[in-house]
């Protein structure tokens, strides 16, 4: 059972931060397993994204959130399992399904090229949003230091 109470005693005594205490509640990084690794965090991220994709597929097929979640899921699965894995092929199928729901089913030899261009454009868009968010935070920090 997940508890979001902020008990500083238990975290300080176990040497975990807030995120570590939440993940240890799920069995990730508990005392028997040792500290949380990047691989464990990536596995949790992939599981969460998979759930997001399935919910978006059921509730808002073809929406922006469905496409973005499917793309992020595909990229995370590639990092976790490698490019040639069966899990990556499954994630690519989910991403293709999300794009097909939005733009229609593509037939012919250009299907893979068009899908690759759509995914590349979406990645550039997400990167731009991420960079803009980081620059906004930096600008806010700079103005708060001066002010």
C-alpha atoms as a PDB file:
ATOM      1  CA  UNK A   1       0.000   0.000   0.000  1.00  0.00           C
ATOM      2  CA  UNK A   2       1.375   3.392  -0.999  1.00  0.00           C
ATOM      3  CA  UNK A   3       1.534   6.085   1.653  1.00  0.00           C
ATOM      4  CA  UNK A   4       2.295   9.670   0.716  1.00  0.00           C
ATOM      5  CA  UNK A   5       2.735  10.967   4.240  1.00  0.00           C
ATOM      6  CA  UNK A   6       5.964  12.842   4.739  1.00  0.00           C
ATOM      7  CA  UNK A   7       7.519  11.252   7.758  1.00  0.00           C
ATOM      8  CA  UNK A   8      11.050  12.646   7.969  1.00  0.00           C
ATOM      9  CA  UNK A   9      12.115  10.180  10.673  1.00  0.00           C
ATOM     10  CA  UNK A  10      11.604   7.070   8.581  1.00  0.00           C
ATOM     11  CA  UNK A  11      13.298   8.519   5.502  1.00  0.00           C
ATOM     12  CA  UNK A  12      16.267   9.905   7.371  1.00  0.00           C
ATOM     13  CA  UNK A  13      16.813   6.682   9.229  1.00  0.00           C
ATOM     14  CA  UNK A  14      16.655   4.610   6.041  1.00  0.00           C
ATOM     15  CA  UNK A  15      18.784   7.064   4.054  1.00  0.00           C
ATOM     16  CA  UNK A  16      16.153   7.488   1.322  1.00  0.00           C
ATOM     17  CA  UNK A  17      14.705  10.619  -0.172  1.00  0.00           C
ATOM     18  CA  UNK A  18      11.015  11.219  -0.839  1.00  0.00           C
ATOM     19  CA  UNK A  19      11.022   9.399  -4.215  1.00  0.00           C
ATOM     20  CA  UNK A  20      13.049   6.543  -2.771  1.00  0.00           C
ATOM     21  CA  UNK A  21      10.568   6.097   0.055  1.00  0.00           C
ATOM     22  CA  UNK A  22       7.673   5.963  -2.434  1.00  0.00           C
ATOM     23  CA  UNK A  23       9.432   3.449  -4.662  1.00  0.00           C
ATOM     24  CA  UNK A  24      10.419   1.291  -1.700  1.00  0.00           C
ATOM     25  CA  UNK A  25       6.719   1.109  -0.874  1.00  0.00           C
ATOM     26  CA  UNK A  26       6.318  -0.573  -4.271  1.00  0.00           C
ATOM     27  CA  UNK A  27       9.192  -2.944  -3.516  1.00  0.00           C
ATOM     28  CA  UNK A  28      11.764  -1.044  -5.601  1.00  0.00           C
ATOM     29  CA  UNK A  29      15.016  -0.326  -3.785  1.00  0.00           C
ATOM     30  CA  UNK A  30      14.008  -1.873  -0.486  1.00  0.00           C
ATOM     31  CA  UNK A  31      16.600  -2.792   2.104  1.00  0.00           C
ATOM     32  CA  UNK A  32      16.832  -6.336   0.731  1.00  0.00           C
ATOM     33  CA  UNK A  33      17.479  -5.102  -2.799  1.00  0.00           C
ATOM     34  CA  UNK A  34      19.862  -2.292  -2.007  1.00  0.00           C
ATOM     35  CA  UNK A  35      19.750   1.223  -3.462  1.00  0.00           C
ATOM     36  CA  UNK A  36      17.515   2.116  -6.400  1.00  0.00           C
ATOM     37  CA  UNK A  37      19.282   1.816  -9.741  1.00  0.00           C
ATOM     38  CA  UNK A  38      18.624   3.743 -12.935  1.00  0.00           C
ATOM     39  CA  UNK A  39      17.464   0.506 -14.529  1.00  0.00           C
ATOM     40  CA  UNK A  40      14.812   0.036 -11.835  1.00  0.00           C
ATOM     41  CA  UNK A  41      13.605   3.597 -12.338  1.00  0.00           C
ATOM     42  CA  UNK A  42      13.485   3.055 -16.102  1.00  0.00           C
ATOM     43  CA  UNK A  43      11.499  -0.153 -15.593  1.00  0.00           C
ATOM     44  CA  UNK A  44       8.990   1.694 -13.399  1.00  0.00           C
ATOM     45  CA  UNK A  45       8.809   4.488 -15.984  1.00  0.00           C
ATOM     46  CA  UNK A  46       8.141   1.972 -18.778  1.00  0.00           C
ATOM     47  CA  UNK A  47       5.391   0.279 -16.760  1.00  0.00           C
ATOM     48  CA  UNK A  48       3.743   3.622 -16.048  1.00  0.00           C
ATOM     49  CA  UNK A  49       3.926   4.684 -19.674  1.00  0.00           C
ATOM     50  CA  UNK A  50       2.460   1.363 -20.793  1.00  0.00           C
ATOM     51  CA  UNK A  51      -0.530   1.992 -18.543  1.00  0.00           C
ATOM     52  CA  UNK A  52      -0.856   5.551 -19.871  1.00  0.00           C
ATOM     53  CA  UNK A  53      -0.856   4.284 -23.466  1.00  0.00           C
ATOM     54  CA  UNK A  54      -3.515   1.683 -22.735  1.00  0.00           C
ATOM     55  CA  UNK A  55      -5.743   4.243 -20.979  1.00  0.00           C
ATOM     56  CA  UNK A  56      -5.267   6.794 -23.760  1.00  0.00           C
ATOM     57  CA  UNK A  57      -5.973   4.098 -26.349  1.00  0.00           C
ATOM     58  CA  UNK A  58      -9.223   3.209 -24.597  1.00  0.00           C
ATOM     59  CA  UNK A  59     -10.363   6.740 -23.767  1.00  0.00           C
ATOM     60  CA  UNK A  60      -8.902   9.098 -26.376  1.00  0.00           C
ATOM     61  CA  UNK A  61      -7.573   7.065 -29.300  1.00  0.00           C
ATOM     62  CA  UNK A  62      -5.664   9.249 -31.756  1.00  0.00           C
ATOM     63  CA  UNK A  63      -5.413  12.245 -29.419  1.00  0.00           C
ATOM     64  CA  UNK A  64      -2.212  14.165 -28.744  1.00  0.00           C
ATOM     65  CA  UNK A  65      -1.812  12.487 -25.361  1.00  0.00           C
ATOM     66  CA  UNK A  66      -2.185   9.057 -26.976  1.00  0.00           C
ATOM     67  CA  UNK A  67       0.491   9.788 -29.578  1.00  0.00           C
ATOM     68  CA  UNK A  68       2.890  11.405 -27.104  1.00  0.00           C
ATOM     69  CA  UNK A  69       2.493   8.594 -24.553  1.00  0.00           C
ATOM     70  CA  UNK A  70       3.003   5.944 -27.253  1.00  0.00           C
ATOM     71  CA  UNK A  71       6.119   7.685 -28.545  1.00  0.00           C
ATOM     72  CA  UNK A  72       7.614   8.113 -25.079  1.00  0.00           C
ATOM     73  CA  UNK A  73       6.782   4.470 -24.319  1.00  0.00           C
ATOM     74  CA  UNK A  74       8.506   3.326 -27.517  1.00  0.00           C
ATOM     75  CA  UNK A  75      11.630   5.365 -26.757  1.00  0.00           C
ATOM     76  CA  UNK A  76      11.794   4.117 -23.156  1.00  0.00           C
ATOM     77  CA  UNK A  77      11.353   0.478 -24.217  1.00  0.00           C
ATOM     78  CA  UNK A  78      14.169   0.916 -26.753  1.00  0.00           C
ATOM     79  CA  UNK A  79      16.451   2.191 -24.005  1.00  0.00           C
ATOM     80  CA  UNK A  80      15.454  -0.625 -21.661  1.00  0.00           C
ATOM     81  CA  UNK A  81      15.398  -3.629 -24.010  1.00  0.00           C
ATOM     82  CA  UNK A  82      17.385  -2.564 -27.076  1.00  0.00           C
ATOM     83  CA  UNK A  83      16.392  -1.749 -30.636  1.00  0.00           C
ATOM     84  CA  UNK A  84      15.960  -5.320 -31.893  1.00  0.00           C
ATOM     85  CA  UNK A  85      13.944  -6.747 -28.993  1.00  0.00           C
ATOM     86  CA  UNK A  86      10.448  -8.151 -29.197  1.00  0.00           C
ATOM     87  CA  UNK A  87       9.247  -5.610 -26.621  1.00  0.00           C
ATOM     88  CA  UNK A  88      10.476  -2.808 -28.886  1.00  0.00           C
ATOM     89  CA  UNK A  89       8.553  -4.265 -31.832  1.00  0.00           C
ATOM     90  CA  UNK A  90       5.419  -4.339 -29.668  1.00  0.00           C
ATOM     91  CA  UNK A  91       5.981  -0.700 -28.608  1.00  0.00           C
ATOM     92  CA  UNK A  92       6.509   0.315 -32.238  1.00  0.00           C
ATOM     93  CA  UNK A  93       3.196  -1.350 -33.063  1.00  0.00           C
ATOM     94  CA  UNK A  94       1.454   0.665 -30.344  1.00  0.00           C
ATOM     95  CA  UNK A  95       3.033   3.857 -31.670  1.00  0.00           C
ATOM     96  CA  UNK A  96       1.999   2.989 -35.214  1.00  0.00           C
ATOM     97  CA  UNK A  97      -1.529   2.261 -34.009  1.00  0.00           C
ATOM     98  CA  UNK A  98      -1.734   5.638 -32.268  1.00  0.00           C
ATOM     99  CA  UNK A  99      -0.607   7.449 -35.415  1.00  0.00           C
ATOM    100  CA  UNK A 100      -2.987   5.383 -37.570  1.00  0.00           C
ATOM    101  CA  UNK A 101      -5.861   6.340 -35.273  1.00  0.00           C
ATOM    102  CA  UNK A 102      -5.038   9.994 -35.806  1.00  0.00           C
ATOM    103  CA  UNK A 103      -3.953  10.133 -39.446  1.00  0.00           C
ATOM    104  CA  UNK A 104      -5.572   7.009 -40.906  1.00  0.00           C
ATOM    105  CA  UNK A 105      -4.158   3.678 -41.958  1.00  0.00           C
ATOM    106  CA  UNK A 106      -1.220   4.056 -44.322  1.00  0.00           C
ATOM    107  CA  UNK A 107      -0.656   1.533 -47.093  1.00  0.00           C
ATOM    108  CA  UNK A 108       2.190   1.008 -49.502  1.00  0.00           C
ATOM    109  CA  UNK A 109       5.960   1.304 -49.459  1.00  0.00           C
ATOM    110  CA  UNK A 110       5.965   4.827 -48.048  1.00  0.00           C
ATOM    111  CA  UNK A 111       4.237   3.761 -44.825  1.00  0.00           C
ATOM    112  CA  UNK A 112       7.436   3.231 -42.827  1.00  0.00           C
ATOM    113  CA  UNK A 113       9.043   6.421 -44.148  1.00  0.00           C
ATOM    114  CA  UNK A 114       5.984   8.518 -43.361  1.00  0.00           C
ATOM    115  CA  UNK A 115       5.669   7.019 -39.888  1.00  0.00           C
ATOM    116  CA  UNK A 116       9.372   7.667 -39.256  1.00  0.00           C
ATOM    117  CA  UNK A 117       8.917  11.311 -40.329  1.00  0.00           C
ATOM    118  CA  UNK A 118       5.861  11.728 -38.092  1.00  0.00           C
ATOM    119  CA  UNK A 119       7.718  10.251 -35.118  1.00  0.00           C
ATOM    120  CA  UNK A 120      10.768  12.424 -35.817  1.00  0.00           C
ATOM    121  CA  UNK A 121       8.606  15.555 -35.988  1.00  0.00           C
ATOM    122  CA  UNK A 122       6.881  14.638 -32.712  1.00  0.00           C
ATOM    123  CA  UNK A 123      10.280  14.071 -31.036  1.00  0.00           C
ATOM    124  CA  UNK A 124      11.498  17.488 -32.180  1.00  0.00           C
ATOM    125  CA  UNK A 125       8.310  19.050 -30.841  1.00  0.00           C
ATOM    126  CA  UNK A 126       8.719  17.329 -27.471  1.00  0.00           C
ATOM    127  CA  UNK A 127      12.375  18.372 -27.310  1.00  0.00           C
ATOM    128  CA  UNK A 128      11.414  21.983 -28.021  1.00  0.00           C
ATOM    129  CA  UNK A 129       8.771  21.930 -25.296  1.00  0.00           C
ATOM    130  CA  UNK A 130      11.242  20.410 -22.846  1.00  0.00           C
ATOM    131  CA  UNK A 131      13.930  22.983 -23.656  1.00  0.00           C
ATOM    132  CA  UNK A 132      11.441  25.855 -23.394  1.00  0.00           C
ATOM    133  CA  UNK A 133      10.327  24.589 -19.986  1.00  0.00           C
ATOM    134  CA  UNK A 134      13.926  24.361 -18.759  1.00  0.00           C
ATOM    135  CA  UNK A 135      14.735  27.850 -20.062  1.00  0.00           C
ATOM    136  CA  UNK A 136      11.637  29.199 -18.330  1.00  0.00           C
ATOM    137  CA  UNK A 137      12.756  27.687 -15.017  1.00  0.00           C
ATOM    138  CA  UNK A 138      16.265  29.095 -15.476  1.00  0.00           C
ATOM    139  CA  UNK A 139      14.877  32.553 -16.248  1.00  0.00           C
ATOM    140  CA  UNK A 140      12.625  32.388 -13.196  1.00  0.00           C
ATOM    141  CA  UNK A 141      15.539  31.337 -10.964  1.00  0.00           C
ATOM    142  CA  UNK A 142      17.686  34.157 -12.356  1.00  0.00           C
ATOM    143  CA  UNK A 143      14.971  36.766 -11.754  1.00  0.00           C
ATOM    144  CA  UNK A 144      14.331  35.504  -8.219  1.00  0.00           C
ATOM    145  CA  UNK A 145      18.056  35.768  -7.398  1.00  0.00           C
ATOM    146  CA  UNK A 146      18.211  39.359  -8.679  1.00  0.00           C
ATOM    147  CA  UNK A 147      14.941  40.419  -7.077  1.00  0.00           C
END
